[in-house]
Amino acid sequence: MKSKLEETKFLKFLADTWPPKEIIKFGSWTIRTSDGAGKRASAISLDGIWEESSFKELKTLLQKMNKSEIFLIYQSDSLIEKELEKLNYQIFDQSFIFEIAVEELIKNKPPPVSMFSIWPPLQIQRELWGSNGIGEQRQAVMNRVIQSKTSILGRWKDNPVASAFVAKSGDVAFLHALVVDKNFRQQGVGKALMQHAGQWAYSHNCKKLMVVTTAANTAANNLYTSLEFQLVNKYHYRIPKANI
């Protein structure tokens, strides 16, 4: 694995390109709320040192808020990881962070008239997302982004078959919500879309393109490694066992 991406930088990239509806600072804790927009925009992270008393106060607040306990664990050797393990919080969605230099990604171009940068997304893109588990709440996350952003529509054999979202944070472009119609997978659609994302990133003065995927998503992992993305870190979530 390449030199590790610092946690503070990663969380800044997420805040800029996949922002929660609200961020609440509670002592050393950062609480994200997003009304059903998934763990990435709803997780809780610890910004300082683990303290049992602070954790108990946090749990009380979460109960009052009626908010689920979803903890983002960036360093598997951290104290919060060990303490949540003792409390029987289970690992969920082990995830990989990949990056590639934009200049490397755009050495090869996608087929002409196959990929299009569009904002706001077309209805067909919203339907593609919706049928692949990215519903209205997650799509609302895209609308909240105030940085430079775009959606990408992929057309293949005259069919709209893929969609993704890309946004900028500093000199990094971050791609989220990549979906390809199940009838058009294993045909090079994902590769072409990523190359187009690289072109968008280049035109917006980004040096790197980053993505996140779960360890279980073998198709996405295979795509990124085939394009020579580098694994720069891992993270996972911890949630109460009863919630799994």
Foldseek 3Di string as FASTA:
>chain_A
DPAADDPVVVVLVCCQQQEAPDWDDDPQKIAFHQPPQDCSRGAMEGRDADDPVSVVVVVVVCVVVVGFHKHKFFDCPHPVNVVLVVVQFDWDFKKFKWKDFLVLLQPDAAPPPFKDWDPPDDPVQQVQLVVVPRHPSNVVSNVPNPADKTKMFGADPNRGFWIWIWGDDVQEIEIDRTGGHPVCPPPCRVSNHVNVVSVVSVVVNHGMYMYMDTPPPVSVVVSCVVSVIDTRGIMTITGHPVVD
